[in-house]
N, C-alpha and C. Protein backbone atom coordinates (compact mmCIF):
# COMPACT_ATOMS: atom_id res chain seq x y z
N MET A 1 -11.35 13.58 -33.87
CA MET A 1 -11.42 14.77 -33.02
C MET A 1 -11.52 14.38 -31.54
N THR A 2 -12.41 13.41 -31.25
CA THR A 2 -12.58 12.98 -29.87
C THR A 2 -11.30 12.36 -29.34
N GLY A 3 -10.61 11.60 -30.17
CA GLY A 3 -9.36 10.97 -29.76
C GLY A 3 -8.31 12.00 -29.40
N ARG A 4 -8.22 13.07 -30.18
CA ARG A 4 -7.24 14.13 -29.92
C ARG A 4 -7.57 14.85 -28.60
N CYS A 5 -8.85 15.10 -28.38
CA CYS A 5 -9.30 15.77 -27.15
C CYS A 5 -9.00 14.90 -25.93
N THR A 6 -9.27 13.61 -26.08
CA THR A 6 -9.01 12.67 -24.98
C THR A 6 -7.52 12.63 -24.67
N LEU A 7 -6.69 12.61 -25.72
CA LEU A 7 -5.25 12.60 -25.53
C LEU A 7 -4.80 13.87 -24.81
N GLN A 8 -5.34 15.02 -25.18
CA GLN A 8 -4.97 16.27 -24.53
C GLN A 8 -5.37 16.27 -23.06
N ILE A 9 -6.55 15.77 -22.76
CA ILE A 9 -7.01 15.70 -21.36
C ILE A 9 -6.12 14.74 -20.57
N ALA A 10 -5.79 13.60 -21.16
CA ALA A 10 -4.93 12.63 -20.48
C ALA A 10 -3.56 13.24 -20.20
N LEU A 11 -3.00 13.95 -21.17
CA LEU A 11 -1.70 14.61 -20.96
C LEU A 11 -1.80 15.69 -19.89
N LEU A 12 -2.88 16.46 -19.91
CA LEU A 12 -3.08 17.50 -18.90
C LEU A 12 -3.14 16.90 -17.50
N VAL A 13 -3.91 15.82 -17.33
CA VAL A 13 -4.01 15.16 -16.03
C VAL A 13 -2.64 14.62 -15.61
N CYS A 14 -1.93 14.03 -16.54
CA CYS A 14 -0.60 13.47 -16.25
C CYS A 14 0.36 14.57 -15.81
N PHE A 15 0.39 15.68 -16.56
CA PHE A 15 1.29 16.78 -16.22
C PHE A 15 0.90 17.45 -14.92
N SER A 16 -0.40 17.62 -14.68
CA SER A 16 -0.82 18.29 -13.45
C SER A 16 -0.51 17.44 -12.24
N THR A 17 -0.65 16.11 -12.36
CA THR A 17 -0.29 15.21 -11.26
C THR A 17 1.20 15.28 -10.98
N THR A 18 2.01 15.29 -12.06
CA THR A 18 3.45 15.41 -11.91
C THR A 18 3.82 16.75 -11.29
N ALA A 19 3.18 17.82 -11.78
CA ALA A 19 3.45 19.16 -11.25
C ALA A 19 3.08 19.25 -9.78
N LEU A 20 1.93 18.64 -9.41
CA LEU A 20 1.51 18.67 -8.02
C LEU A 20 2.51 17.92 -7.14
N ALA A 21 2.96 16.75 -7.61
CA ALA A 21 3.94 15.98 -6.83
C ALA A 21 5.23 16.77 -6.69
N MET A 22 5.65 17.44 -7.75
CA MET A 22 6.87 18.24 -7.69
C MET A 22 6.66 19.44 -6.77
N SER A 23 5.46 20.03 -6.80
CA SER A 23 5.23 21.19 -5.95
C SER A 23 5.22 20.79 -4.47
N TYR A 24 4.72 19.60 -4.14
CA TYR A 24 4.77 19.13 -2.76
C TYR A 24 6.23 18.91 -2.33
N LYS A 25 7.02 18.39 -3.24
CA LYS A 25 8.44 18.17 -2.94
C LYS A 25 9.13 19.51 -2.69
N LEU A 26 8.87 20.49 -3.55
CA LEU A 26 9.43 21.82 -3.38
C LEU A 26 8.90 22.47 -2.11
N LEU A 27 7.60 22.34 -1.87
CA LEU A 27 6.99 22.90 -0.67
C LEU A 27 7.63 22.31 0.58
N ARG A 28 7.81 21.00 0.60
CA ARG A 28 8.41 20.33 1.76
C ARG A 28 9.81 20.88 2.01
N PHE A 29 10.59 21.05 0.94
CA PHE A 29 11.94 21.59 1.05
C PHE A 29 11.90 23.01 1.62
N GLN A 30 11.01 23.86 1.07
CA GLN A 30 10.91 25.24 1.53
C GLN A 30 10.46 25.30 2.99
N LEU A 31 9.48 24.48 3.34
CA LEU A 31 8.99 24.47 4.72
C LEU A 31 10.08 24.01 5.68
N ARG A 32 10.81 22.98 5.30
CA ARG A 32 11.89 22.48 6.15
C ARG A 32 12.95 23.56 6.37
N SER A 33 13.34 24.25 5.29
CA SER A 33 14.33 25.31 5.39
C SER A 33 13.85 26.42 6.30
N SER A 34 12.61 26.84 6.09
CA SER A 34 12.04 27.91 6.90
C SER A 34 11.92 27.50 8.36
N SER A 35 11.51 26.27 8.59
CA SER A 35 11.39 25.77 9.96
C SER A 35 12.74 25.80 10.67
N LEU A 36 13.78 25.35 9.98
CA LEU A 36 15.13 25.37 10.57
C LEU A 36 15.59 26.80 10.85
N GLU A 37 15.28 27.70 9.92
CA GLU A 37 15.65 29.10 10.11
C GLU A 37 14.94 29.68 11.34
N CYS A 38 13.65 29.40 11.46
CA CYS A 38 12.87 29.91 12.60
C CYS A 38 13.38 29.33 13.91
N GLN A 39 13.70 28.05 13.92
CA GLN A 39 14.23 27.43 15.13
C GLN A 39 15.55 28.07 15.54
N GLY A 40 16.41 28.31 14.55
CA GLY A 40 17.69 28.96 14.83
C GLY A 40 17.50 30.35 15.42
N LEU A 41 16.55 31.09 14.86
CA LEU A 41 16.27 32.44 15.37
C LEU A 41 15.68 32.39 16.77
N LEU A 42 14.80 31.42 17.02
CA LEU A 42 14.24 31.28 18.37
C LEU A 42 15.33 30.95 19.39
N LEU A 43 16.26 30.10 19.00
CA LEU A 43 17.36 29.75 19.90
C LEU A 43 18.27 30.94 20.18
N LYS A 44 18.40 31.84 19.21
CA LYS A 44 19.23 33.04 19.39
C LYS A 44 18.65 33.99 20.42
N LEU A 45 17.36 33.85 20.72
CA LEU A 45 16.73 34.77 21.67
C LEU A 45 17.21 34.55 23.10
N ASN A 46 17.86 33.43 23.35
CA ASN A 46 18.51 33.17 24.64
C ASN A 46 17.63 33.34 25.86
N GLY A 47 16.52 32.67 25.91
CA GLY A 47 15.71 32.66 27.12
C GLY A 47 16.37 31.77 28.16
N THR A 48 16.34 32.18 29.42
CA THR A 48 16.93 31.37 30.48
C THR A 48 15.82 30.75 31.30
N SER A 49 15.52 29.51 31.03
CA SER A 49 14.38 28.87 31.69
C SER A 49 14.67 28.41 33.11
N LYS A 50 15.94 28.28 33.49
CA LYS A 50 16.22 27.78 34.84
C LYS A 50 15.74 28.75 35.92
N ASN A 51 15.71 30.03 35.62
CA ASN A 51 15.21 31.01 36.59
C ASN A 51 13.67 31.12 36.55
N CYS A 52 13.06 30.44 35.61
CA CYS A 52 11.62 30.58 35.39
C CYS A 52 10.87 29.29 35.63
N LEU A 53 11.44 28.39 36.40
CA LEU A 53 10.80 27.09 36.61
C LEU A 53 9.41 27.22 37.23
N LYS A 54 9.23 28.19 38.09
CA LYS A 54 7.92 28.37 38.74
C LYS A 54 6.85 28.83 37.75
N ASP A 55 7.27 29.36 36.62
CA ASP A 55 6.34 29.87 35.62
C ASP A 55 5.99 28.85 34.54
N ARG A 56 6.58 27.67 34.62
CA ARG A 56 6.31 26.67 33.58
C ARG A 56 4.82 26.38 33.50
N MET A 57 4.40 25.98 32.31
CA MET A 57 2.97 25.76 32.08
C MET A 57 2.82 24.65 31.04
N ASN A 58 1.84 23.81 31.25
CA ASN A 58 1.49 22.82 30.24
C ASN A 58 0.36 23.41 29.42
N PHE A 59 0.65 23.79 28.19
CA PHE A 59 -0.34 24.43 27.35
C PHE A 59 -1.26 23.41 26.66
N GLU A 60 -0.98 22.14 26.88
CA GLU A 60 -1.80 21.05 26.34
C GLU A 60 -1.95 21.15 24.83
N ALA A 61 -0.84 20.91 24.14
CA ALA A 61 -0.86 20.88 22.67
C ALA A 61 -1.85 19.83 22.21
N PRO A 62 -2.59 20.11 21.15
CA PRO A 62 -3.61 19.17 20.67
C PRO A 62 -3.00 17.80 20.33
N GLU A 63 -3.71 16.77 20.72
CA GLU A 63 -3.24 15.41 20.50
C GLU A 63 -3.06 15.12 19.01
N GLU A 64 -3.91 15.71 18.18
CA GLU A 64 -3.80 15.49 16.73
C GLU A 64 -2.43 15.94 16.21
N ILE A 65 -1.86 16.95 16.88
CA ILE A 65 -0.58 17.49 16.44
C ILE A 65 0.59 16.74 17.08
N THR A 66 0.46 16.40 18.36
CA THR A 66 1.56 15.75 19.07
C THR A 66 1.73 14.29 18.67
N LYS A 67 0.64 13.63 18.37
CA LYS A 67 0.73 12.24 17.92
C LYS A 67 1.02 12.25 16.44
N SER A 68 1.52 11.17 15.95
CA SER A 68 1.84 11.14 14.52
C SER A 68 0.61 10.74 13.72
N GLN A 69 -0.48 11.45 13.96
CA GLN A 69 -1.70 11.20 13.22
C GLN A 69 -1.47 11.58 11.76
N GLN A 70 -1.96 10.76 10.90
CA GLN A 70 -1.76 11.02 9.47
C GLN A 70 -2.88 11.90 8.93
N PHE A 71 -2.52 13.10 8.56
CA PHE A 71 -3.45 14.01 7.91
C PHE A 71 -3.32 13.83 6.40
N PRO A 72 -4.39 14.03 5.67
CA PRO A 72 -4.20 14.16 4.21
C PRO A 72 -3.29 15.36 3.97
N LYS A 73 -2.55 15.36 2.88
CA LYS A 73 -1.59 16.43 2.61
C LYS A 73 -2.24 17.80 2.68
N GLU A 74 -3.43 17.90 2.11
CA GLU A 74 -4.12 19.19 2.09
C GLU A 74 -4.43 19.68 3.50
N GLU A 75 -4.86 18.76 4.34
CA GLU A 75 -5.16 19.12 5.73
C GLU A 75 -3.88 19.46 6.49
N ALA A 76 -2.81 18.73 6.21
CA ALA A 76 -1.52 19.00 6.86
C ALA A 76 -1.07 20.42 6.51
N ILE A 77 -1.25 20.82 5.26
CA ILE A 77 -0.86 22.18 4.84
C ILE A 77 -1.69 23.21 5.59
N LEU A 78 -2.97 22.93 5.77
CA LEU A 78 -3.85 23.83 6.51
C LEU A 78 -3.38 23.98 7.96
N VAL A 79 -3.03 22.87 8.58
CA VAL A 79 -2.56 22.88 9.97
C VAL A 79 -1.21 23.59 10.07
N ILE A 80 -0.30 23.31 9.14
CA ILE A 80 1.01 23.97 9.14
C ILE A 80 0.84 25.47 8.99
N HIS A 81 -0.03 25.88 8.09
CA HIS A 81 -0.29 27.31 7.90
C HIS A 81 -0.79 27.94 9.20
N GLU A 82 -1.72 27.28 9.86
CA GLU A 82 -2.27 27.81 11.11
C GLU A 82 -1.18 27.93 12.18
N MET A 83 -0.27 26.97 12.22
CA MET A 83 0.80 27.01 13.20
C MET A 83 1.75 28.18 12.92
N PHE A 84 2.09 28.39 11.66
CA PHE A 84 2.93 29.55 11.31
C PHE A 84 2.19 30.85 11.62
N GLN A 85 0.90 30.90 11.29
CA GLN A 85 0.10 32.11 11.51
C GLN A 85 0.04 32.46 13.00
N LYS A 86 -0.27 31.48 13.82
CA LYS A 86 -0.41 31.74 15.26
C LYS A 86 0.94 32.08 15.90
N THR A 87 2.00 31.44 15.43
CA THR A 87 3.33 31.76 15.95
C THR A 87 3.69 33.20 15.58
N PHE A 88 3.38 33.59 14.35
CA PHE A 88 3.60 34.97 13.91
C PHE A 88 2.82 35.94 14.81
N ASP A 89 1.54 35.62 15.05
CA ASP A 89 0.70 36.48 15.88
C ASP A 89 1.27 36.63 17.29
N ILE A 90 1.75 35.54 17.86
CA ILE A 90 2.29 35.58 19.22
C ILE A 90 3.54 36.46 19.28
N PHE A 91 4.45 36.28 18.32
CA PHE A 91 5.71 37.03 18.36
C PHE A 91 5.56 38.45 17.81
N SER A 92 4.37 38.81 17.39
CA SER A 92 4.09 40.20 16.98
C SER A 92 3.67 41.04 18.18
N ARG A 93 3.52 40.41 19.32
CA ARG A 93 3.09 41.12 20.53
C ARG A 93 4.26 41.87 21.17
N SER A 94 3.94 42.67 22.15
CA SER A 94 4.94 43.48 22.84
C SER A 94 5.95 42.59 23.56
N MET A 95 7.21 42.79 23.22
CA MET A 95 8.28 42.02 23.86
C MET A 95 9.32 42.93 24.50
N SER A 96 8.94 44.13 24.78
CA SER A 96 9.90 45.10 25.30
C SER A 96 10.56 44.63 26.60
N SER A 97 9.86 43.82 27.38
CA SER A 97 10.41 43.38 28.66
C SER A 97 11.44 42.25 28.51
N THR A 98 11.53 41.66 27.34
CA THR A 98 12.39 40.49 27.17
C THR A 98 13.87 40.82 27.04
N GLY A 99 14.18 41.97 26.49
CA GLY A 99 15.57 42.30 26.23
C GLY A 99 16.12 41.55 25.03
N TRP A 100 15.23 40.92 24.26
CA TRP A 100 15.66 40.17 23.09
C TRP A 100 16.13 41.11 22.00
N ASN A 101 17.02 40.65 21.19
CA ASN A 101 17.54 41.40 20.06
C ASN A 101 16.39 41.64 19.07
N GLU A 102 16.09 42.91 18.82
CA GLU A 102 14.96 43.26 17.96
C GLU A 102 15.16 42.77 16.52
N THR A 103 16.39 42.78 16.05
CA THR A 103 16.67 42.31 14.69
C THR A 103 16.36 40.83 14.55
N THR A 104 16.71 40.05 15.57
CA THR A 104 16.43 38.62 15.55
C THR A 104 14.92 38.38 15.54
N VAL A 105 14.19 39.12 16.36
CA VAL A 105 12.73 38.98 16.39
C VAL A 105 12.14 39.38 15.04
N GLU A 106 12.63 40.48 14.46
CA GLU A 106 12.14 40.91 13.15
C GLU A 106 12.44 39.87 12.08
N ASN A 107 13.62 39.27 12.12
CA ASN A 107 13.98 38.22 11.15
C ASN A 107 13.06 37.01 11.31
N LEU A 108 12.73 36.69 12.55
CA LEU A 108 11.80 35.59 12.81
C LEU A 108 10.43 35.91 12.21
N LEU A 109 9.96 37.13 12.44
CA LEU A 109 8.66 37.53 11.89
C LEU A 109 8.65 37.52 10.36
N VAL A 110 9.75 37.95 9.76
CA VAL A 110 9.85 37.94 8.29
C VAL A 110 9.79 36.50 7.77
N ALA A 111 10.53 35.59 8.40
CA ALA A 111 10.53 34.19 7.98
C ALA A 111 9.14 33.57 8.14
N LEU A 112 8.49 33.85 9.25
CA LEU A 112 7.14 33.33 9.47
C LEU A 112 6.15 33.92 8.46
N HIS A 113 6.26 35.22 8.21
CA HIS A 113 5.36 35.88 7.28
C HIS A 113 5.54 35.33 5.86
N TRP A 114 6.76 35.17 5.45
CA TRP A 114 7.03 34.64 4.10
C TRP A 114 6.40 33.26 3.94
N GLN A 115 6.55 32.43 4.96
CA GLN A 115 6.01 31.08 4.88
C GLN A 115 4.48 31.09 4.87
N LYS A 116 3.89 31.97 5.66
CA LYS A 116 2.43 32.11 5.66
C LYS A 116 1.93 32.48 4.28
N GLU A 117 2.59 33.46 3.65
CA GLU A 117 2.19 33.91 2.32
C GLU A 117 2.27 32.77 1.31
N ARG A 118 3.35 32.03 1.36
CA ARG A 118 3.54 30.89 0.45
C ARG A 118 2.43 29.86 0.65
N LEU A 119 2.13 29.56 1.89
CA LEU A 119 1.10 28.56 2.18
C LEU A 119 -0.29 29.06 1.81
N GLU A 120 -0.55 30.34 1.96
CA GLU A 120 -1.86 30.88 1.58
C GLU A 120 -2.12 30.71 0.10
N THR A 121 -1.10 30.88 -0.71
CA THR A 121 -1.25 30.68 -2.15
C THR A 121 -1.61 29.23 -2.45
N ILE A 122 -0.94 28.32 -1.79
CA ILE A 122 -1.21 26.89 -2.00
C ILE A 122 -2.59 26.53 -1.46
N LEU A 123 -2.96 27.10 -0.32
CA LEU A 123 -4.28 26.82 0.25
C LEU A 123 -5.40 27.29 -0.67
N GLU A 124 -5.21 28.42 -1.31
CA GLU A 124 -6.22 28.91 -2.25
C GLU A 124 -6.44 27.89 -3.36
N GLU A 125 -5.36 27.31 -3.87
CA GLU A 125 -5.47 26.30 -4.91
C GLU A 125 -6.19 25.06 -4.38
N ILE A 126 -5.85 24.64 -3.17
CA ILE A 126 -6.47 23.45 -2.58
C ILE A 126 -7.96 23.68 -2.36
N LEU A 127 -8.31 24.83 -1.81
CA LEU A 127 -9.71 25.11 -1.49
C LEU A 127 -10.58 25.27 -2.74
N GLU A 128 -9.95 25.57 -3.88
CA GLU A 128 -10.69 25.67 -5.13
C GLU A 128 -11.08 24.31 -5.68
N GLU A 129 -10.39 23.26 -5.24
CA GLU A 129 -10.73 21.91 -5.69
C GLU A 129 -12.12 21.55 -5.18
N GLU A 130 -12.94 21.02 -6.04
CA GLU A 130 -14.32 20.70 -5.69
C GLU A 130 -14.43 19.57 -4.68
N ASN A 131 -13.52 18.61 -4.74
CA ASN A 131 -13.63 17.42 -3.89
C ASN A 131 -12.91 17.56 -2.56
N PHE A 132 -12.42 18.74 -2.23
CA PHE A 132 -11.67 18.92 -0.98
C PHE A 132 -12.63 19.07 0.19
N THR A 133 -12.50 18.18 1.14
CA THR A 133 -13.25 18.28 2.40
C THR A 133 -12.23 18.09 3.52
N TRP A 134 -12.47 18.71 4.65
CA TRP A 134 -11.54 18.58 5.76
C TRP A 134 -12.30 18.59 7.07
N ASP A 135 -11.66 17.98 8.04
CA ASP A 135 -12.19 17.93 9.40
C ASP A 135 -11.66 19.15 10.14
N ASN A 136 -12.55 20.02 10.58
CA ASN A 136 -12.08 21.25 11.23
C ASN A 136 -11.73 21.07 12.70
N LYS A 137 -11.95 19.87 13.25
CA LYS A 137 -11.66 19.63 14.66
C LYS A 137 -10.20 19.90 15.03
N PRO A 138 -9.23 19.37 14.26
CA PRO A 138 -7.82 19.65 14.60
C PRO A 138 -7.51 21.14 14.59
N LEU A 139 -8.09 21.86 13.66
CA LEU A 139 -7.86 23.30 13.56
C LEU A 139 -8.45 24.04 14.76
N LEU A 140 -9.63 23.63 15.19
CA LEU A 140 -10.25 24.24 16.37
C LEU A 140 -9.43 23.98 17.62
N HIS A 141 -8.95 22.75 17.77
CA HIS A 141 -8.10 22.41 18.92
C HIS A 141 -6.81 23.21 18.90
N LEU A 142 -6.27 23.40 17.71
CA LEU A 142 -5.05 24.17 17.55
C LEU A 142 -5.26 25.64 17.93
N LYS A 143 -6.37 26.22 17.52
CA LYS A 143 -6.68 27.61 17.84
C LYS A 143 -6.85 27.79 19.36
N LYS A 144 -7.49 26.83 20.01
CA LYS A 144 -7.65 26.90 21.47
C LYS A 144 -6.30 26.81 22.17
N TYR A 145 -5.44 25.97 21.64
CA TYR A 145 -4.09 25.81 22.20
C TYR A 145 -3.33 27.13 22.15
N TYR A 146 -3.32 27.78 21.01
CA TYR A 146 -2.61 29.05 20.89
C TYR A 146 -3.29 30.15 21.70
N LEU A 147 -4.59 30.07 21.87
CA LEU A 147 -5.29 31.02 22.72
C LEU A 147 -4.84 30.87 24.17
N ARG A 148 -4.61 29.63 24.60
CA ARG A 148 -4.09 29.40 25.97
C ARG A 148 -2.72 30.05 26.14
N ILE A 149 -1.90 29.99 25.11
CA ILE A 149 -0.57 30.62 25.17
C ILE A 149 -0.71 32.13 25.30
N VAL A 150 -1.58 32.71 24.48
CA VAL A 150 -1.79 34.17 24.52
C VAL A 150 -2.35 34.59 25.87
N ARG A 151 -3.30 33.85 26.39
CA ARG A 151 -3.87 34.18 27.71
C ARG A 151 -2.83 34.07 28.80
N TYR A 152 -1.95 33.09 28.69
CA TYR A 152 -0.86 32.93 29.65
C TYR A 152 0.03 34.17 29.64
N LEU A 153 0.42 34.61 28.45
CA LEU A 153 1.26 35.81 28.34
C LEU A 153 0.58 37.02 28.98
N LYS A 154 -0.71 37.19 28.69
CA LYS A 154 -1.46 38.32 29.26
C LYS A 154 -1.53 38.21 30.78
N ALA A 155 -1.83 37.01 31.28
CA ALA A 155 -1.94 36.80 32.73
C ALA A 155 -0.62 37.09 33.43
N LYS A 156 0.47 36.76 32.78
CA LYS A 156 1.81 37.00 33.35
C LYS A 156 2.35 38.38 32.97
N GLU A 157 1.48 39.20 32.37
CA GLU A 157 1.81 40.57 31.98
C GLU A 157 3.06 40.64 31.11
N TYR A 158 3.19 39.68 30.20
CA TYR A 158 4.29 39.65 29.24
C TYR A 158 5.66 39.73 29.90
N SER A 159 5.79 39.08 31.04
CA SER A 159 7.06 39.11 31.78
C SER A 159 8.15 38.35 31.02
N VAL A 160 9.38 38.55 31.43
CA VAL A 160 10.52 37.87 30.82
C VAL A 160 10.35 36.36 30.94
N CYS A 161 9.96 35.91 32.12
CA CYS A 161 9.80 34.47 32.33
C CYS A 161 8.65 33.91 31.48
N ALA A 162 7.57 34.65 31.36
CA ALA A 162 6.45 34.20 30.53
C ALA A 162 6.91 34.03 29.08
N TRP A 163 7.66 35.01 28.58
CA TRP A 163 8.17 34.91 27.22
C TRP A 163 9.15 33.75 27.07
N THR A 164 9.94 33.49 28.09
CA THR A 164 10.89 32.38 28.04
C THR A 164 10.15 31.06 27.96
N VAL A 165 9.08 30.94 28.75
CA VAL A 165 8.26 29.72 28.72
C VAL A 165 7.60 29.57 27.35
N VAL A 166 7.09 30.65 26.80
CA VAL A 166 6.44 30.61 25.49
C VAL A 166 7.47 30.30 24.40
N GLN A 167 8.65 30.87 24.51
CA GLN A 167 9.71 30.57 23.54
C GLN A 167 9.99 29.06 23.51
N ALA A 168 10.11 28.46 24.69
CA ALA A 168 10.36 27.02 24.78
C ALA A 168 9.20 26.23 24.18
N GLU A 169 7.98 26.67 24.43
CA GLU A 169 6.80 25.98 23.89
C GLU A 169 6.76 26.08 22.37
N ILE A 170 7.10 27.23 21.83
CA ILE A 170 7.08 27.41 20.38
C ILE A 170 8.20 26.57 19.74
N LEU A 171 9.34 26.47 20.41
CA LEU A 171 10.39 25.58 19.90
C LEU A 171 9.88 24.14 19.85
N ARG A 172 9.13 23.75 20.85
CA ARG A 172 8.51 22.42 20.88
C ARG A 172 7.54 22.27 19.71
N ASN A 173 6.84 23.34 19.36
CA ASN A 173 5.92 23.35 18.23
C ASN A 173 6.63 23.00 16.93
N PHE A 174 7.85 23.49 16.81
CA PHE A 174 8.57 23.23 15.57
C PHE A 174 8.93 21.76 15.41
N PHE A 175 9.03 21.04 16.51
CA PHE A 175 9.21 19.59 16.43
C PHE A 175 7.97 18.96 15.78
N PHE A 176 6.79 19.40 16.22
CA PHE A 176 5.54 18.89 15.64
C PHE A 176 5.40 19.34 14.19
N LEU A 177 5.77 20.59 13.93
CA LEU A 177 5.72 21.13 12.57
C LEU A 177 6.60 20.29 11.63
N ASP A 178 7.78 19.96 12.09
CA ASP A 178 8.70 19.17 11.27
C ASP A 178 8.10 17.81 10.92
N ARG A 179 7.41 17.20 11.87
CA ARG A 179 6.76 15.91 11.58
C ARG A 179 5.66 16.08 10.54
N LEU A 180 4.90 17.15 10.64
CA LEU A 180 3.85 17.40 9.65
C LEU A 180 4.47 17.67 8.27
N ILE A 181 5.55 18.41 8.25
CA ILE A 181 6.24 18.71 6.99
C ILE A 181 6.75 17.43 6.35
N ASN A 182 7.32 16.55 7.17
CA ASN A 182 7.82 15.28 6.64
C ASN A 182 6.69 14.43 6.07
N HIS A 183 5.51 14.61 6.60
CA HIS A 183 4.34 13.86 6.11
C HIS A 183 4.00 14.22 4.67
N LEU A 184 4.39 15.40 4.23
CA LEU A 184 4.09 15.85 2.88
C LEU A 184 4.81 15.03 1.82
N GLN A 185 5.81 14.24 2.21
CA GLN A 185 6.53 13.43 1.23
C GLN A 185 5.77 12.18 0.84
N ASN A 186 4.82 11.76 1.64
CA ASN A 186 4.08 10.52 1.33
C ASN A 186 3.03 10.74 0.27
């Protein structure tokens, strides 16, 4: 009886490890696709930064994100989720002054929302694991970074140039996002 139980537990652990590895592979593929879709939509918004040079701003992206710091996969998923969430929050704001195509903005929000939902499901599974611990410092730095972007938009009264600068910054974010996504393969 004990031998049969041990065999079942061993098979369960083996299958769950395989399933987890496959789910990370699938997740990486989905995140990469979504990231490319979001980048394409952001580029379609056609911000003209040459007229907005005086409005440029260094938002000081967190070093943990800009450097190729190695996060554990679980922490990387948490950071990726936060980046999608904050990007969604920013582009949910009033953009009436931009003249951007509303359908493109809505498609961007749908893509971001879908990815957030997918990641929330995975995060729930990760957070249920008893041995999961994470360093909240990168997340706090990330929240402050996005807060600086929001404050910038408010200070510039959501002007066309402010949105153009933010659009460029968010495109830069996707470069960092892509590096984090690629980290999920290790």
